[in-house]
Amino acid sequence: MPKFDDAYVSMANYLLPRWQGSPEEFTDFAEKSANDNKALGNVVYARIAAVGLLADGDKLPQVYPDLEWERIRKGLLEIDKQFPDSTRTHHLLARFAWVFRDKDTAREAQARLTDHIDTDVVNFWWTPYNFLAARKWALQDPAAPTRVESASHR
């Protein structure tokens, strides 16, 4: 059992439906890896899910319906505790929250970011426009509708 997450990320890439795997194999791998590795647990789950996010973006919940948002969120929060100034983690948390439509988590993550998006994290969002649309949605008045009506943000 690896005690670092890169081995899991490599296997997750292999299990993407576009390569050799299926959504079920990908999700099963995330769950089994997290359950078997007590040291990394939800961190491994979040890192594997991030591979799916980078591949499928906003379609993640449809492509991998068995991925658990709460487990991903917990894993990213554990990473944030270890590396509290990581803009990368905040972007991942904001992006996942946008995809899973968790406005409270998105607002907290976006509050730690600026309007500027660095080139090393733009791939989480696919385009700067997606980041800005998600940022606007997360930081808008809480009384306003929480769902962006236009599909153009995807």
Protein backbone atom coordinates (compact mmCIF):
# COMPACT_ATOMS: atom_id res chain seq x y z
CA MET A 1 0.00 0.00 0.00
CA PRO A 2 1.66 3.27 -1.10
CA LYS A 3 1.98 5.94 1.57
CA PHE A 4 1.96 8.72 -1.01
CA ASP A 5 -0.83 9.69 -3.38
CA ASP A 6 0.98 9.89 -6.74
CA ALA A 7 0.64 6.13 -7.31
CA TYR A 8 -3.12 6.45 -6.89
CA VAL A 9 -3.29 9.38 -9.29
CA SER A 10 -1.45 7.38 -11.96
CA MET A 11 -3.86 4.47 -11.63
CA ALA A 12 -6.86 6.83 -11.62
CA ASN A 13 -5.71 8.23 -14.96
CA TYR A 14 -5.56 4.70 -16.36
CA LEU A 15 -9.11 4.01 -15.13
CA LEU A 16 -10.68 7.03 -16.81
CA PRO A 17 -13.39 5.89 -19.24
CA ARG A 18 -11.53 7.53 -22.11
CA TRP A 19 -8.60 5.19 -21.58
CA GLN A 20 -8.93 1.71 -20.07
CA GLY A 21 -11.57 2.01 -17.38
CA SER A 22 -15.19 2.73 -16.68
CA PRO A 23 -16.97 5.12 -14.30
CA GLU A 24 -17.68 2.20 -11.99
CA GLU A 25 -14.05 1.02 -11.94
CA PHE A 26 -12.88 4.59 -11.32
CA THR A 27 -15.29 5.11 -8.42
CA ASP A 28 -14.60 1.66 -6.96
CA PHE A 29 -10.88 2.39 -7.10
CA ALA A 30 -11.36 5.70 -5.26
CA GLU A 31 -13.43 4.06 -2.55
CA LYS A 32 -11.21 1.01 -2.09
CA SER A 33 -8.02 3.08 -2.09
CA ALA A 34 -9.36 5.48 0.50
CA ASN A 35 -10.71 2.70 2.69
CA ASP A 36 -7.54 0.60 2.50
CA ASN A 37 -5.10 3.44 3.13
CA LYS A 38 -5.88 4.62 6.66
CA ALA A 39 -3.00 7.12 6.60
CA LEU A 40 -4.33 9.05 3.59
CA GLY A 41 -8.01 8.04 3.45
CA ASN A 42 -10.11 10.94 2.21
CA VAL A 43 -7.03 12.72 0.84
CA VAL A 44 -6.55 9.82 -1.60
CA TYR A 45 -10.25 9.92 -2.44
CA ALA A 46 -10.08 13.65 -3.23
CA ARG A 47 -6.90 13.27 -5.28
CA ILE A 48 -8.45 10.47 -7.34
CA ALA A 49 -11.65 12.48 -7.81
CA ALA A 50 -9.51 15.43 -9.01
CA VAL A 51 -8.33 13.25 -11.89
CA GLY A 52 -11.98 12.83 -12.92
CA LEU A 53 -12.59 16.55 -12.48
CA LEU A 54 -9.71 17.44 -14.77
CA ALA A 55 -10.98 14.98 -17.38
CA ASP A 56 -14.72 15.63 -17.21
CA GLY A 57 -15.17 19.06 -15.59
CA ASP A 58 -18.74 20.03 -14.81
CA LYS A 59 -20.00 16.63 -16.02
CA LEU A 60 -18.20 14.88 -13.14
CA PRO A 61 -21.38 14.08 -11.12
CA GLN A 62 -23.07 12.66 -14.23
CA VAL A 63 -20.09 10.63 -15.41
CA TYR A 64 -19.25 9.34 -11.90
CA PRO A 65 -22.57 9.42 -10.02
CA ASP A 66 -21.21 7.33 -7.16
CA LEU A 67 -18.42 9.76 -6.24
CA GLU A 68 -19.21 11.23 -2.84
CA TRP A 69 -18.95 15.01 -2.65
CA GLU A 70 -18.73 14.98 1.15
CA ARG A 71 -15.75 12.63 1.07
CA ILE A 72 -14.03 14.77 -1.57
CA ARG A 73 -14.69 17.89 0.51
CA LYS A 74 -13.28 16.28 3.66
CA GLY A 75 -10.16 15.16 1.80
CA LEU A 76 -9.53 18.64 0.43
CA LEU A 77 -10.07 20.17 3.87
CA GLU A 78 -7.49 17.72 5.27
CA ILE A 79 -5.04 18.84 2.57
CA ASP A 80 -5.85 22.46 3.46
CA LYS A 81 -4.96 21.79 7.11
CA GLN A 82 -1.58 20.39 6.07
CA PHE A 83 -0.91 23.16 3.53
CA PRO A 84 -3.11 26.12 4.57
CA ASP A 85 -1.71 28.62 2.07
CA SER A 86 -2.12 26.44 -1.00
CA THR A 87 -4.01 28.39 -3.66
CA ARG A 88 -4.16 25.14 -5.61
CA THR A 89 -6.22 23.46 -2.87
CA HIS A 90 -8.56 26.47 -2.62
CA HIS A 91 -9.12 26.37 -6.38
CA LEU A 92 -9.83 22.64 -6.28
CA LEU A 93 -12.26 23.07 -3.40
CA ALA A 94 -14.00 25.95 -5.20
CA ARG A 95 -14.18 23.99 -8.46
CA PHE A 96 -15.58 20.85 -6.86
CA ALA A 97 -18.08 22.94 -4.88
CA TRP A 98 -19.19 24.60 -8.13
CA VAL A 99 -19.61 21.22 -9.84
CA PHE A 100 -21.56 19.77 -6.91
CA ARG A 101 -23.49 23.05 -6.41
CA ASP A 102 -22.43 23.46 -2.77
CA LYS A 103 -22.64 27.22 -2.48
CA ASP A 104 -21.51 27.45 1.15
CA THR A 105 -18.28 25.57 0.48
CA ALA A 106 -17.78 27.47 -2.77
CA ARG A 107 -18.18 30.79 -0.97
CA GLU A 108 -15.64 29.82 1.71
CA ALA A 109 -13.11 28.63 -0.88
CA GLN A 110 -13.62 31.60 -3.19
CA ALA A 111 -13.22 34.03 -0.28
CA ARG A 112 -9.62 32.81 0.00
CA LEU A 113 -8.94 33.50 -3.70
CA THR A 114 -8.63 36.65 -5.78
CA ASP A 115 -10.15 37.49 -9.16
CA HIS A 116 -6.81 36.66 -10.76
CA ILE A 117 -6.31 33.07 -11.90
CA ASP A 118 -2.77 31.76 -12.26
CA THR A 119 -1.77 29.66 -15.23
CA ASP A 120 -0.90 26.71 -13.00
CA VAL A 121 -4.52 26.33 -11.82
CA VAL A 122 -6.47 27.43 -14.89
CA ASN A 123 -6.65 23.76 -15.96
CA PHE A 124 -8.91 23.08 -12.95
CA TRP A 125 -11.41 25.48 -14.50
CA TRP A 126 -10.71 24.77 -18.21
CA THR A 127 -11.15 28.49 -18.97
CA PRO A 128 -10.81 31.69 -16.95
CA TYR A 129 -14.47 32.38 -17.78
CA ASN A 130 -15.57 29.28 -15.86
CA PHE A 131 -13.61 30.49 -12.85
CA LEU A 132 -15.16 33.96 -13.00
CA ALA A 133 -18.69 32.55 -13.45
CA ALA A 134 -18.20 30.22 -10.47
CA ARG A 135 -16.73 33.07 -8.42
CA LYS A 136 -19.67 35.33 -9.19
CA TRP A 137 -22.13 32.55 -8.30
CA ALA A 138 -20.36 31.74 -5.02
CA LEU A 139 -19.94 35.31 -3.84
CA GLN A 140 -23.30 36.74 -4.92
CA ASP A 141 -25.96 37.71 -2.43
CA PRO A 142 -27.02 34.58 -0.51
CA ALA A 143 -30.66 35.51 -1.06
CA ALA A 144 -30.17 35.42 -4.84
CA PRO A 145 -30.82 32.22 -6.81
CA THR A 146 -28.00 29.75 -6.29
CA ARG A 147 -28.05 28.14 -9.72
CA VAL A 148 -26.58 29.75 -12.81
CA GLU A 149 -29.29 29.52 -15.46
CA SER A 150 -27.03 29.65 -18.49
CA ALA A 151 -25.37 26.44 -19.63
CA SER A 152 -22.54 28.52 -21.13
CA HIS A 153 -20.56 28.27 -17.88
CA ARG A 154 -19.78 24.66 -18.73
